[in-house]
Amino acid sequence: MKKDFSKLKDRLDLDVPEEDLRKAFFHTSYVNESEGGRRSYERLEFLGDAVIELAIREHLFNSFPEKSEGELSKIKAVAVSKPVLSGKASDLNLGRFLYLGKGEKESGGRNKESILCDVFESLIGVLFLKNGFRKTAEYVVEILSDEVDNLVDSQEVLDYKSALQIEAQKRFNTRPSYEVQEEWGKAHNRKYRILAKVGGFEGTGKGRSKQEAEEAAAKKIYLKLKRS
């Protein structure tokens, strides 16, 4: 099925040939079911992932000299996370241009968080191969700048439990709750699964201590909130 990538090029102001752009949208399921020796976007995704991370790291390093390495790492982790990148892909309507196999298409692959994140990364991989790092990095920073600025401005960089508490107070005027769902292992090697809840959002996390499991659970809710 032929898709019109000229509209996507114009809307996103992409300087890349349509045939190269198309390569960023071939999901593995489609390649496995079709003929023609096409390659899935997985290699481009691998490349794009690295470009996005380096672009954001460089931007943070140059733009916020007062921030510590730990603070910058927290901002970077959220800014390039799967929920954020898939959200950007959804905003850009990239799912519409995906080539999917029958089963993946019927199971709602165009809206799956993991696939949308992957296709965003593969698109950046294509841009890098065509335009080089500098121009592509500028494009990445422009797309993710709102997310980065929000994280910096609100100072949500201490830890995910603190970040979630700030966000929960701001949005719902309440604090998250944490409940131990399961614990197992010997006394010297206990593990915990904890459920966090706030404002209708839930997330579970596992860890070798209650604090570690709560942090993991808080992270899941926090990233969901940043997308909503």
N, C-alpha and C. Protein backbone atom coordinates (compact mmCIF):
# COMPACT_ATOMS: atom_id res chain seq x y z
N MET A 1 0.84 -1.18 0.00
CA MET A 1 0.00 0.00 0.00
C MET A 1 0.88 1.25 0.00
N LYS A 2 0.65 2.12 -0.96
CA LYS A 2 1.45 3.33 -1.10
C LYS A 2 0.88 4.43 -0.22
N LYS A 3 1.73 5.06 0.55
CA LYS A 3 1.29 6.16 1.41
C LYS A 3 1.91 7.45 0.91
N ASP A 4 1.19 8.53 1.07
CA ASP A 4 1.65 9.83 0.61
C ASP A 4 2.48 10.50 1.70
N PHE A 5 3.80 10.42 1.56
CA PHE A 5 4.68 11.00 2.56
C PHE A 5 4.99 12.47 2.30
N SER A 6 4.52 13.00 1.19
CA SER A 6 4.79 14.41 0.88
C SER A 6 4.12 15.32 1.91
N LYS A 7 2.92 14.94 2.36
CA LYS A 7 2.22 15.75 3.36
C LYS A 7 2.96 15.73 4.69
N LEU A 8 3.48 14.55 5.05
CA LEU A 8 4.25 14.46 6.29
C LEU A 8 5.51 15.29 6.19
N LYS A 9 6.18 15.24 5.06
CA LYS A 9 7.39 16.05 4.85
C LYS A 9 7.09 17.53 5.01
N ASP A 10 6.01 17.97 4.39
CA ASP A 10 5.66 19.39 4.44
C ASP A 10 5.26 19.82 5.85
N ARG A 11 4.48 18.98 6.51
CA ARG A 11 3.97 19.34 7.83
C ARG A 11 5.08 19.41 8.86
N LEU A 12 6.04 18.49 8.76
CA LEU A 12 7.14 18.44 9.73
C LEU A 12 8.38 19.16 9.24
N ASP A 13 8.30 19.73 8.02
CA ASP A 13 9.44 20.45 7.43
C ASP A 13 10.69 19.57 7.40
N LEU A 14 10.54 18.39 6.81
CA LEU A 14 11.62 17.42 6.77
C LEU A 14 12.41 17.51 5.47
N ASP A 15 13.70 17.64 5.59
CA ASP A 15 14.58 17.69 4.42
C ASP A 15 15.15 16.30 4.18
N VAL A 16 14.35 15.43 3.59
CA VAL A 16 14.77 14.05 3.33
C VAL A 16 13.89 13.49 2.20
N PRO A 17 14.47 12.75 1.25
CA PRO A 17 13.68 12.16 0.16
C PRO A 17 12.58 11.25 0.70
N GLU A 18 11.44 11.23 0.01
CA GLU A 18 10.31 10.43 0.47
C GLU A 18 10.65 8.95 0.59
N GLU A 19 11.42 8.42 -0.34
CA GLU A 19 11.74 7.00 -0.30
C GLU A 19 12.61 6.66 0.92
N ASP A 20 13.47 7.59 1.31
CA ASP A 20 14.26 7.37 2.53
C ASP A 20 13.37 7.49 3.76
N LEU A 21 12.48 8.44 3.72
CA LEU A 21 11.56 8.65 4.84
C LEU A 21 10.68 7.42 5.07
N ARG A 22 10.25 6.83 3.98
CA ARG A 22 9.37 5.65 4.05
C ARG A 22 10.02 4.51 4.83
N LYS A 23 11.34 4.39 4.76
CA LYS A 23 12.05 3.29 5.42
C LYS A 23 11.90 3.33 6.94
N ALA A 24 11.57 4.50 7.47
CA ALA A 24 11.42 4.65 8.92
C ALA A 24 10.11 4.06 9.44
N PHE A 25 9.24 3.60 8.53
CA PHE A 25 7.89 3.19 8.93
C PHE A 25 7.57 1.73 8.65
N PHE A 26 8.57 0.93 8.25
CA PHE A 26 8.34 -0.49 7.98
C PHE A 26 8.49 -1.30 9.27
N HIS A 27 7.37 -1.67 9.87
CA HIS A 27 7.41 -2.49 11.07
C HIS A 27 7.79 -3.93 10.71
N THR A 28 8.40 -4.63 11.66
CA THR A 28 8.85 -6.01 11.41
C THR A 28 7.72 -6.90 10.93
N SER A 29 6.54 -6.73 11.48
CA SER A 29 5.41 -7.58 11.09
C SER A 29 5.06 -7.40 9.61
N TYR A 30 5.19 -6.19 9.10
CA TYR A 30 4.91 -5.93 7.69
C TYR A 30 5.99 -6.55 6.81
N VAL A 31 7.23 -6.37 7.21
CA VAL A 31 8.36 -6.91 6.42
C VAL A 31 8.25 -8.43 6.34
N ASN A 32 7.88 -9.08 7.43
CA ASN A 32 7.78 -10.54 7.45
C ASN A 32 6.66 -11.06 6.56
N GLU A 33 5.64 -10.23 6.32
CA GLU A 33 4.49 -10.68 5.54
C GLU A 33 4.53 -10.21 4.08
N SER A 34 5.51 -9.41 3.73
CA SER A 34 5.55 -8.85 2.38
C SER A 34 6.78 -9.33 1.63
N GLU A 35 6.77 -9.10 0.33
CA GLU A 35 7.91 -9.44 -0.52
C GLU A 35 8.64 -8.16 -0.91
N GLY A 36 9.82 -8.34 -1.45
CA GLY A 36 10.54 -7.17 -1.95
C GLY A 36 11.82 -6.88 -1.22
N GLY A 37 12.18 -7.73 -0.25
CA GLY A 37 13.46 -7.56 0.43
C GLY A 37 13.57 -6.30 1.27
N ARG A 38 12.45 -5.80 1.76
CA ARG A 38 12.49 -4.60 2.60
C ARG A 38 13.10 -4.92 3.96
N ARG A 39 13.61 -3.88 4.59
CA ARG A 39 14.16 -4.00 5.94
C ARG A 39 13.25 -3.27 6.90
N SER A 40 13.09 -3.81 8.10
CA SER A 40 12.30 -3.11 9.10
C SER A 40 13.07 -1.89 9.59
N TYR A 41 12.39 -1.06 10.36
CA TYR A 41 13.02 0.16 10.86
C TYR A 41 13.92 -0.07 12.07
N GLU A 42 14.15 -1.31 12.47
CA GLU A 42 14.85 -1.59 13.72
C GLU A 42 16.27 -1.02 13.75
N ARG A 43 17.00 -1.11 12.64
CA ARG A 43 18.36 -0.56 12.62
C ARG A 43 18.32 0.97 12.72
N LEU A 44 17.36 1.58 12.03
CA LEU A 44 17.21 3.03 12.11
C LEU A 44 16.81 3.46 13.51
N GLU A 45 15.97 2.66 14.14
CA GLU A 45 15.56 2.93 15.53
C GLU A 45 16.77 2.90 16.45
N PHE A 46 17.63 1.90 16.27
CA PHE A 46 18.85 1.77 17.06
C PHE A 46 19.71 3.03 16.94
N LEU A 47 19.82 3.53 15.72
CA LEU A 47 20.62 4.73 15.48
C LEU A 47 19.94 5.98 16.05
N GLY A 48 18.65 6.10 15.77
CA GLY A 48 17.91 7.28 16.23
C GLY A 48 17.89 7.41 17.74
N ASP A 49 17.80 6.29 18.43
CA ASP A 49 17.81 6.30 19.89
C ASP A 49 19.07 6.97 20.42
N ALA A 50 20.21 6.62 19.83
CA ALA A 50 21.49 7.20 20.25
C ALA A 50 21.57 8.69 19.92
N VAL A 51 21.06 9.07 18.76
CA VAL A 51 21.09 10.47 18.34
C VAL A 51 20.24 11.33 19.28
N ILE A 52 19.04 10.84 19.60
CA ILE A 52 18.16 11.59 20.50
C ILE A 52 18.82 11.79 21.86
N GLU A 53 19.37 10.71 22.41
CA GLU A 53 19.98 10.80 23.74
C GLU A 53 21.15 11.77 23.73
N LEU A 54 22.03 11.69 22.72
CA LEU A 54 23.18 12.59 22.67
C LEU A 54 22.74 14.03 22.47
N ALA A 55 21.73 14.24 21.62
CA ALA A 55 21.24 15.60 21.36
C ALA A 55 20.73 16.24 22.65
N ILE A 56 19.96 15.49 23.43
CA ILE A 56 19.41 16.02 24.67
C ILE A 56 20.50 16.18 25.72
N ARG A 57 21.42 15.25 25.80
CA ARG A 57 22.53 15.38 26.74
C ARG A 57 23.33 16.66 26.43
N GLU A 58 23.66 16.86 25.18
CA GLU A 58 24.44 18.04 24.80
C GLU A 58 23.67 19.33 25.11
N HIS A 59 22.37 19.33 24.80
CA HIS A 59 21.54 20.50 25.07
C HIS A 59 21.50 20.82 26.57
N LEU A 60 21.31 19.81 27.38
CA LEU A 60 21.25 20.01 28.83
C LEU A 60 22.60 20.50 29.36
N PHE A 61 23.66 19.91 28.89
CA PHE A 61 25.01 20.28 29.35
C PHE A 61 25.31 21.74 29.03
N ASN A 62 24.96 22.17 27.83
CA ASN A 62 25.28 23.54 27.40
C ASN A 62 24.30 24.57 27.95
N SER A 63 23.05 24.16 28.16
CA SER A 63 22.02 25.13 28.52
C SER A 63 21.85 25.34 30.02
N PHE A 64 22.27 24.37 30.83
CA PHE A 64 22.02 24.46 32.27
C PHE A 64 23.30 24.18 33.06
N PRO A 65 24.28 25.09 32.97
CA PRO A 65 25.58 24.85 33.64
C PRO A 65 25.47 24.78 35.15
N GLU A 66 24.37 25.31 35.72
CA GLU A 66 24.20 25.30 37.16
C GLU A 66 23.69 23.97 37.69
N LYS A 67 23.20 23.11 36.80
CA LYS A 67 22.64 21.83 37.22
C LYS A 67 23.74 20.78 37.42
N SER A 68 23.55 19.94 38.43
CA SER A 68 24.49 18.86 38.68
C SER A 68 24.27 17.72 37.69
N GLU A 69 25.22 16.78 37.66
CA GLU A 69 25.10 15.62 36.79
C GLU A 69 23.85 14.82 37.15
N GLY A 70 23.58 14.69 38.45
CA GLY A 70 22.40 13.94 38.87
C GLY A 70 21.10 14.58 38.41
N GLU A 71 21.02 15.90 38.52
CA GLU A 71 19.83 16.61 38.08
C GLU A 71 19.64 16.49 36.57
N LEU A 72 20.74 16.66 35.83
CA LEU A 72 20.66 16.54 34.37
C LEU A 72 20.24 15.14 33.95
N SER A 73 20.74 14.14 34.67
CA SER A 73 20.39 12.76 34.35
C SER A 73 18.90 12.51 34.54
N LYS A 74 18.32 13.07 35.60
CA LYS A 74 16.89 12.91 35.85
C LYS A 74 16.06 13.55 34.74
N ILE A 75 16.45 14.77 34.35
CA ILE A 75 15.74 15.46 33.28
C ILE A 75 15.84 14.67 31.98
N LYS A 76 17.04 14.22 31.67
CA LYS A 76 17.27 13.46 30.43
C LYS A 76 16.45 12.18 30.42
N ALA A 77 16.41 11.48 31.56
CA ALA A 77 15.71 10.20 31.63
C ALA A 77 14.23 10.36 31.29
N VAL A 78 13.62 11.43 31.77
CA VAL A 78 12.21 11.66 31.48
C VAL A 78 12.03 12.15 30.06
N ALA A 79 12.87 13.08 29.64
CA ALA A 79 12.71 13.72 28.32
C ALA A 79 12.83 12.74 27.16
N VAL A 80 13.63 11.68 27.33
CA VAL A 80 13.81 10.72 26.24
C VAL A 80 13.14 9.38 26.55
N SER A 81 12.25 9.35 27.53
CA SER A 81 11.59 8.11 27.93
C SER A 81 10.56 7.67 26.89
N LYS A 82 10.19 6.41 26.96
CA LYS A 82 9.21 5.85 26.02
C LYS A 82 7.88 6.60 26.04
N PRO A 83 7.32 6.90 27.22
CA PRO A 83 6.05 7.63 27.21
C PRO A 83 6.13 8.99 26.52
N VAL A 84 7.24 9.70 26.73
CA VAL A 84 7.39 11.02 26.12
C VAL A 84 7.55 10.91 24.61
N LEU A 85 8.44 10.02 24.15
CA LEU A 85 8.68 9.89 22.71
C LEU A 85 7.46 9.35 21.98
N SER A 86 6.76 8.40 22.59
CA SER A 86 5.54 7.89 21.95
C SER A 86 4.47 8.97 21.91
N GLY A 87 4.45 9.81 22.96
CA GLY A 87 3.50 10.91 22.96
C GLY A 87 3.79 11.90 21.84
N LYS A 88 5.07 12.18 21.61
CA LYS A 88 5.44 13.07 20.51
C LYS A 88 5.06 12.46 19.16
N ALA A 89 5.30 11.15 19.04
CA ALA A 89 4.93 10.46 17.79
C ALA A 89 3.43 10.54 17.56
N SER A 90 2.67 10.41 18.63
CA SER A 90 1.21 10.51 18.52
C SER A 90 0.80 11.92 18.12
N ASP A 91 1.43 12.92 18.74
CA ASP A 91 1.14 14.32 18.40
C ASP A 91 1.42 14.60 16.92
N LEU A 92 2.48 13.97 16.41
CA LEU A 92 2.87 14.17 15.01
C LEU A 92 2.10 13.26 14.05
N ASN A 93 1.23 12.41 14.62
CA ASN A 93 0.40 11.50 13.83
C ASN A 93 1.23 10.52 13.00
N LEU A 94 2.35 10.06 13.57
CA LEU A 94 3.24 9.15 12.83
C LEU A 94 2.60 7.77 12.65
N GLY A 95 1.73 7.37 13.57
CA GLY A 95 1.10 6.05 13.48
C GLY A 95 0.33 5.86 12.19
N ARG A 96 -0.20 6.92 11.66
CA ARG A 96 -0.97 6.85 10.42
C ARG A 96 -0.12 6.35 9.25
N PHE A 97 1.18 6.59 9.29
CA PHE A 97 2.05 6.26 8.17
C PHE A 97 2.76 4.91 8.33
N LEU A 98 2.49 4.22 9.43
CA LEU A 98 3.15 2.94 9.67
C LEU A 98 2.69 1.86 8.68
N TYR A 99 3.63 1.02 8.29
CA TYR A 99 3.33 -0.19 7.53
C TYR A 99 3.35 -1.34 8.53
N LEU A 100 2.19 -1.95 8.75
CA LEU A 100 2.05 -3.01 9.75
C LEU A 100 1.54 -4.29 9.11
N GLY A 101 1.92 -5.42 9.70
CA GLY A 101 1.36 -6.69 9.29
C GLY A 101 -0.10 -6.77 9.72
N LYS A 102 -0.82 -7.73 9.17
CA LYS A 102 -2.26 -7.84 9.43
C LYS A 102 -2.57 -7.96 10.91
N GLY A 103 -1.88 -8.86 11.60
CA GLY A 103 -2.15 -9.08 13.02
C GLY A 103 -1.86 -7.85 13.86
N GLU A 104 -0.74 -7.20 13.58
CA GLU A 104 -0.36 -6.01 14.33
C GLU A 104 -1.33 -4.86 14.07
N LYS A 105 -1.79 -4.78 12.84
CA LYS A 105 -2.75 -3.73 12.48
C LYS A 105 -4.07 -3.94 13.23
N GLU A 106 -4.52 -5.20 13.25
CA GLU A 106 -5.80 -5.51 13.90
C GLU A 106 -5.74 -5.36 15.42
N SER A 107 -4.55 -5.49 15.98
CA SER A 107 -4.41 -5.38 17.44
C SER A 107 -4.15 -3.94 17.89
N GLY A 108 -4.29 -2.99 16.96
CA GLY A 108 -4.13 -1.58 17.31
C GLY A 108 -2.71 -1.10 17.36
N GLY A 109 -1.86 -1.68 16.51
CA GLY A 109 -0.44 -1.33 16.51
C GLY A 109 -0.14 0.14 16.27
N ARG A 110 -1.01 0.82 15.55
CA ARG A 110 -0.76 2.24 15.25
C ARG A 110 -0.80 3.11 16.50
N ASN A 111 -1.42 2.59 17.55
CA ASN A 111 -1.54 3.37 18.78
C ASN A 111 -0.74 2.79 19.95
N LYS A 112 0.05 1.76 19.70
CA LYS A 112 0.83 1.15 20.77
C LYS A 112 2.01 2.03 21.15
N GLU A 113 2.17 2.22 22.44
CA GLU A 113 3.24 3.09 22.93
C GLU A 113 4.61 2.65 22.45
N SER A 114 4.88 1.36 22.52
CA SER A 114 6.21 0.86 22.15
C SER A 114 6.50 1.09 20.67
N ILE A 115 5.51 0.87 19.82
CA ILE A 115 5.70 1.04 18.38
C ILE A 115 5.85 2.52 18.03
N LEU A 116 5.04 3.37 18.65
CA LEU A 116 5.14 4.80 18.38
C LEU A 116 6.49 5.35 18.80
N CYS A 117 6.99 4.89 19.94
CA CYS A 117 8.32 5.30 20.39
C CYS A 117 9.38 4.86 19.37
N ASP A 118 9.27 3.61 18.93
CA ASP A 118 10.24 3.07 17.97
C ASP A 118 10.24 3.86 16.65
N VAL A 119 9.05 4.21 16.16
CA VAL A 119 8.99 4.87 14.87
C VAL A 119 9.49 6.31 14.98
N PHE A 120 9.31 6.93 16.13
CA PHE A 120 9.89 8.26 16.33
C PHE A 120 11.41 8.17 16.28
N GLU A 121 11.97 7.17 16.95
CA GLU A 121 13.42 7.00 16.95
C GLU A 121 13.94 6.67 15.55
N SER A 122 13.22 5.85 14.81
CA SER A 122 13.66 5.49 13.46
C SER A 122 13.60 6.69 12.52
N LEU A 123 12.60 7.55 12.71
CA LEU A 123 12.52 8.78 11.92
C LEU A 123 13.74 9.66 12.17
N ILE A 124 14.14 9.78 13.42
CA ILE A 124 15.33 10.57 13.74
C ILE A 124 16.58 9.92 13.15
N GLY A 125 16.59 8.59 13.11
CA GLY A 125 17.72 7.90 12.47
C GLY A 125 17.84 8.25 11.00
N VAL A 126 16.71 8.31 10.30
CA VAL A 126 16.71 8.70 8.89
C VAL A 126 17.22 10.12 8.72
N LEU A 127 16.74 11.02 9.56
CA LEU A 127 17.18 12.42 9.47
C LEU A 127 18.67 12.55 9.71
N PHE A 128 19.19 11.76 10.65
CA PHE A 128 20.62 11.80 10.93
C PHE A 128 21.44 11.35 9.72
N LEU A 129 21.03 10.27 9.09
CA LEU A 129 21.76 9.76 7.92
C LEU A 129 21.74 10.76 6.76
N LYS A 130 20.65 11.50 6.62
CA LYS A 130 20.52 12.46 5.53
C LYS A 130 21.17 13.80 5.85
N ASN A 131 20.99 14.28 7.09
CA ASN A 131 21.38 15.65 7.41
C ASN A 131 22.53 15.80 8.40
N GLY A 132 23.00 14.68 8.96
CA GLY A 132 24.09 14.77 9.93
C GLY A 132 23.60 15.10 11.33
N PHE A 133 24.54 15.05 12.28
CA PHE A 133 24.15 15.20 13.68
C PHE A 133 23.67 16.59 14.03
N ARG A 134 24.39 17.64 13.61
CA ARG A 134 24.07 18.98 14.07
C ARG A 134 22.65 19.39 13.72
N LYS A 135 22.28 19.23 12.48
CA LYS A 135 20.93 19.64 12.05
C LYS A 135 19.86 18.76 12.70
N THR A 136 20.15 17.47 12.81
CA THR A 136 19.19 16.56 13.43
C THR A 136 19.04 16.85 14.92
N ALA A 137 20.14 17.15 15.59
CA ALA A 137 20.09 17.47 17.01
C ALA A 137 19.24 18.71 17.26
N GLU A 138 19.36 19.70 16.39
CA GLU A 138 18.55 20.91 16.52
C GLU A 138 17.07 20.57 16.38
N TYR A 139 16.77 19.65 15.48
CA TYR A 139 15.38 19.22 15.27
C TYR A 139 14.85 18.50 16.50
N VAL A 140 15.67 17.61 17.07
CA VAL A 140 15.27 16.86 18.27
C VAL A 140 15.02 17.81 19.44
N VAL A 141 15.93 18.74 19.65
CA VAL A 141 15.80 19.68 20.76
C VAL A 141 14.56 20.54 20.60
N GLU A 142 14.28 20.94 19.37
CA GLU A 142 13.08 21.74 19.12
C GLU A 142 11.81 20.97 19.49
N ILE A 143 11.76 19.70 19.10
CA ILE A 143 10.58 18.89 19.38
C ILE A 143 10.41 18.62 20.87
N LEU A 144 11.51 18.41 21.57
CA LEU A 144 11.44 18.02 22.98
C LEU A 144 11.67 19.20 23.94
N SER A 145 11.80 20.40 23.43
CA SER A 145 12.15 21.54 24.27
C SER A 145 11.09 21.83 25.33
N ASP A 146 9.81 21.68 24.98
CA ASP A 146 8.76 21.94 25.96
C ASP A 146 8.86 20.99 27.15
N GLU A 147 9.14 19.73 26.86
CA GLU A 147 9.27 18.73 27.92
C GLU A 147 10.46 19.07 28.81
N VAL A 148 11.59 19.40 28.19
CA VAL A 148 12.80 19.73 28.96
C VAL A 148 12.56 20.98 29.80
N ASP A 149 12.01 22.02 29.20
CA ASP A 149 11.78 23.28 29.93
C ASP A 149 10.83 23.07 31.10
N ASN A 150 9.80 22.25 30.91
CA ASN A 150 8.86 21.99 31.98
C ASN A 150 9.55 21.30 33.15
N LEU A 151 10.40 20.35 32.86
CA LEU A 151 11.12 19.63 33.90
C LEU A 151 12.08 20.55 34.65
N VAL A 152 12.76 21.40 33.92
CA VAL A 152 13.71 22.31 34.55
C VAL A 152 12.97 23.35 35.38
N ASP A 153 11.93 23.95 34.81
CA ASP A 153 11.20 25.02 35.50
C ASP A 153 10.55 24.54 36.78
N SER A 154 10.01 23.34 36.76
CA SER A 154 9.30 22.84 37.94
C SER A 154 10.23 22.16 38.94
N GLN A 155 11.53 22.02 38.57
CA GLN A 155 12.52 21.46 39.49
C GLN A 155 12.19 20.03 39.91
N GLU A 156 11.53 19.27 39.04
CA GLU A 156 11.16 17.89 39.37
C GLU A 156 12.31 16.94 39.02
N VAL A 157 13.42 17.11 39.72
CA VAL A 157 14.62 16.37 39.34
C VAL A 157 15.26 15.64 40.53
N LEU A 158 14.63 15.66 41.70
CA LEU A 158 15.26 15.04 42.86
C LEU A 158 15.15 13.52 42.80
N ASP A 159 13.94 13.03 42.67
CA ASP A 159 13.67 11.61 42.50
C ASP A 159 12.22 11.49 42.07
N TYR A 160 11.82 10.32 41.59
CA TYR A 160 10.48 10.18 41.04
C TYR A 160 9.40 10.27 42.11
N LYS A 161 9.68 9.83 43.33
CA LYS A 161 8.69 9.97 44.39
C LYS A 161 8.44 11.44 44.70
N SER A 162 9.50 12.21 44.76
CA SER A 162 9.35 13.65 45.00
C SER A 162 8.67 14.32 43.81
N ALA A 163 9.08 13.93 42.62
CA ALA A 163 8.49 14.51 41.42
C ALA A 163 7.00 14.20 41.33
N LEU A 164 6.63 12.96 41.66
CA LEU A 164 5.22 12.57 41.61
C LEU A 164 4.42 13.31 42.67
N GLN A 165 4.99 13.48 43.85
CA GLN A 165 4.28 14.18 44.90
C GLN A 165 4.00 15.63 44.50
N ILE A 166 4.98 16.28 43.90
CA ILE A 166 4.80 17.66 43.44
C ILE A 166 3.70 17.72 42.39
N GLU A 167 3.77 16.80 41.43
CA GLU A 167 2.78 16.78 40.34
C GLU A 167 1.39 16.45 40.87
N ALA A 168 1.31 15.52 41.82
CA ALA A 168 0.01 15.13 42.38
C ALA A 168 -0.62 16.28 43.17
N GLN A 169 0.19 17.00 43.92
CA GLN A 169 -0.32 18.14 44.67
C GLN A 169 -0.83 19.22 43.72
N LYS A 170 -0.09 19.41 42.64
CA LYS A 170 -0.46 20.44 41.68
C LYS A 170 -1.73 20.08 40.92
N ARG A 171 -1.86 18.82 40.54
CA ARG A 171 -2.99 18.40 39.71
C ARG A 171 -4.22 17.99 40.52
N PHE A 172 -3.98 17.25 41.63
CA PHE A 172 -5.09 16.63 42.33
C PHE A 172 -5.24 17.11 43.78
N ASN A 173 -4.31 17.94 44.24
CA ASN A 173 -4.31 18.42 45.63
C ASN A 173 -4.33 17.26 46.62
N THR A 174 -3.54 16.26 46.32
CA THR A 174 -3.43 15.10 47.21
C THR A 174 -2.07 14.46 47.03
N ARG A 175 -1.78 13.48 47.86
CA ARG A 175 -0.50 12.77 47.77
C ARG A 175 -0.73 11.35 47.28
N PRO A 176 0.27 10.77 46.64
CA PRO A 176 0.15 9.36 46.20
C PRO A 176 0.10 8.43 47.40
N SER A 177 -0.54 7.29 47.20
CA SER A 177 -0.54 6.24 48.22
C SER A 177 0.28 5.07 47.70
N TYR A 178 0.92 4.34 48.63
CA TYR A 178 1.77 3.20 48.28
C TYR A 178 1.34 2.00 49.10
N GLU A 179 1.14 0.86 48.44
CA GLU A 179 0.66 -0.35 49.10
C GLU A 179 1.52 -1.54 48.67
N VAL A 180 2.02 -2.28 49.64
CA VAL A 180 2.80 -3.49 49.35
C VAL A 180 1.85 -4.57 48.86
N GLN A 181 2.04 -5.00 47.65
CA GLN A 181 1.20 -6.06 47.08
C GLN A 181 1.80 -7.44 47.33
N GLU A 182 3.13 -7.49 47.34
CA GLU A 182 3.77 -8.80 47.47
C GLU A 182 5.19 -8.60 47.97
N GLU A 183 5.66 -9.53 48.78
CA GLU A 183 7.07 -9.56 49.16
C GLU A 183 7.51 -11.01 49.21
N TRP A 184 8.72 -11.27 48.78
CA TRP A 184 9.21 -12.63 48.70
C TRP A 184 10.72 -12.66 48.84
N GLY A 185 11.26 -13.87 48.98
CA GLY A 185 12.70 -14.04 49.14
C GLY A 185 13.10 -14.21 50.59
N LYS A 186 14.32 -14.66 50.79
CA LYS A 186 14.84 -14.85 52.14
C LYS A 186 15.14 -13.51 52.80
N ALA A 187 15.34 -13.55 54.11
CA ALA A 187 15.48 -12.32 54.88
C ALA A 187 16.60 -11.42 54.35
N HIS A 188 17.68 -12.01 53.88
CA HIS A 188 18.82 -11.21 53.40
C HIS A 188 18.66 -10.79 51.93
N ASN A 189 17.59 -11.27 51.31
CA ASN A 189 17.42 -10.97 49.88
C ASN A 189 15.93 -10.77 49.56
N ARG A 190 15.28 -9.93 50.36
CA ARG A 190 13.85 -9.68 50.18
C ARG A 190 13.61 -8.84 48.92
N LYS A 191 12.46 -9.07 48.29
CA LYS A 191 12.03 -8.27 47.16
C LYS A 191 10.58 -7.87 47.38
N TYR A 192 10.23 -6.72 46.83
CA TYR A 192 8.90 -6.15 47.08
C TYR A 192 8.26 -5.70 45.77
N ARG A 193 6.95 -5.87 45.72
CA ARG A 193 6.15 -5.30 44.64
C ARG A 193 5.15 -4.35 45.27
N ILE A 194 5.17 -3.10 44.83
CA ILE A 194 4.35 -2.06 45.44
C ILE A 194 3.46 -1.40 44.40
N LEU A 195 2.21 -1.14 44.79
CA LEU A 195 1.25 -0.45 43.94
C LEU A 195 1.13 0.99 44.42
N ALA A 196 1.32 1.92 43.50
CA ALA A 196 1.14 3.35 43.80
C ALA A 196 -0.13 3.83 43.11
N LYS A 197 -0.86 4.74 43.77
CA LYS A 197 -2.09 5.28 43.21
C LYS A 197 -2.17 6.77 43.49
N VAL A 198 -2.72 7.50 42.50
CA VAL A 198 -3.04 8.91 42.73
C VAL A 198 -3.90 9.41 41.57
N GLY A 199 -4.98 10.10 41.89
CA GLY A 199 -5.80 10.75 40.88
C GLY A 199 -6.31 9.84 39.78
N GLY A 200 -6.59 8.58 40.09
CA GLY A 200 -7.07 7.65 39.08
C GLY A 200 -5.98 6.97 38.29
N PHE A 201 -4.72 7.29 38.58
CA PHE A 201 -3.58 6.66 37.91
C PHE A 201 -2.96 5.62 38.85
N GLU A 202 -2.47 4.53 38.26
CA GLU A 202 -1.83 3.48 39.04
C GLU A 202 -0.52 3.06 38.39
N GLY A 203 0.40 2.55 39.20
CA GLY A 203 1.65 2.02 38.69
C GLY A 203 2.24 1.05 39.69
N THR A 204 2.83 -0.03 39.23
CA THR A 204 3.47 -0.99 40.12
C THR A 204 4.98 -0.98 39.89
N GLY A 205 5.71 -1.25 40.96
CA GLY A 205 7.16 -1.29 40.86
C GLY A 205 7.74 -2.38 41.73
N LYS A 206 8.88 -2.92 41.33
CA LYS A 206 9.56 -3.95 42.11
C LYS A 206 10.93 -3.45 42.54
N GLY A 207 11.40 -3.95 43.68
CA GLY A 207 12.71 -3.55 44.15
C GLY A 207 13.20 -4.40 45.29
N ARG A 208 14.46 -4.21 45.66
CA ARG A 208 15.05 -4.98 46.76
C ARG A 208 14.77 -4.33 48.12
N SER A 209 14.11 -3.21 48.10
CA SER A 209 13.64 -2.55 49.32
C SER A 209 12.32 -1.89 49.00
N LYS A 210 11.57 -1.55 50.05
CA LYS A 210 10.29 -0.89 49.82
C LYS A 210 10.52 0.46 49.13
N GLN A 211 11.57 1.15 49.53
CA GLN A 211 11.87 2.46 48.95
C GLN A 211 12.16 2.35 47.45
N GLU A 212 12.94 1.33 47.09
CA GLU A 212 13.28 1.13 45.67
C GLU A 212 12.04 0.77 44.87
N ALA A 213 11.16 -0.07 45.43
CA ALA A 213 9.93 -0.46 44.74
C ALA A 213 8.97 0.73 44.61
N GLU A 214 8.90 1.56 45.66
CA GLU A 214 8.05 2.75 45.60
C GLU A 214 8.56 3.73 44.54
N GLU A 215 9.86 3.87 44.45
CA GLU A 215 10.45 4.75 43.43
C GLU A 215 10.10 4.27 42.03
N ALA A 216 10.18 2.95 41.81
CA ALA A 216 9.84 2.38 40.50
C ALA A 216 8.37 2.58 40.17
N ALA A 217 7.51 2.41 41.16
CA ALA A 217 6.07 2.60 40.95
C ALA A 217 5.75 4.07 40.69
N ALA A 218 6.39 4.95 41.45
CA ALA A 218 6.18 6.39 41.26
C ALA A 218 6.61 6.83 39.87
N LYS A 219 7.70 6.26 39.40
CA LYS A 219 8.21 6.61 38.07
C LYS A 219 7.17 6.31 37.00
N LYS A 220 6.50 5.17 37.11
CA LYS A 220 5.52 4.79 36.09
C LYS A 220 4.35 5.78 36.06
N ILE A 221 3.87 6.16 37.23
CA ILE A 221 2.75 7.11 37.26
C ILE A 221 3.20 8.48 36.78
N TYR A 222 4.37 8.89 37.23
CA TYR A 222 4.87 10.22 36.86
C TYR A 222 4.98 10.38 35.34
N LEU A 223 5.52 9.36 34.68
CA LEU A 223 5.67 9.42 33.23
C LEU A 223 4.31 9.43 32.53
N LYS A 224 3.35 8.70 33.10
CA LYS A 224 1.99 8.74 32.54
C LYS A 224 1.40 10.14 32.66
N LEU A 225 1.61 10.76 33.81
CA LEU A 225 1.09 12.10 34.02
C LEU A 225 1.71 13.12 33.06
N LYS A 226 2.98 12.96 32.77
CA LYS A 226 3.65 13.90 31.88
C LYS A 226 3.11 13.80 30.46
N ARG A 227 2.53 12.67 30.14
CA ARG A 227 1.93 12.50 28.81
C ARG A 227 0.51 13.05 28.74
N SER A 228 -0.16 13.09 29.88
CA SER A 228 -1.58 13.44 29.87
C SER A 228 -1.80 14.94 29.83
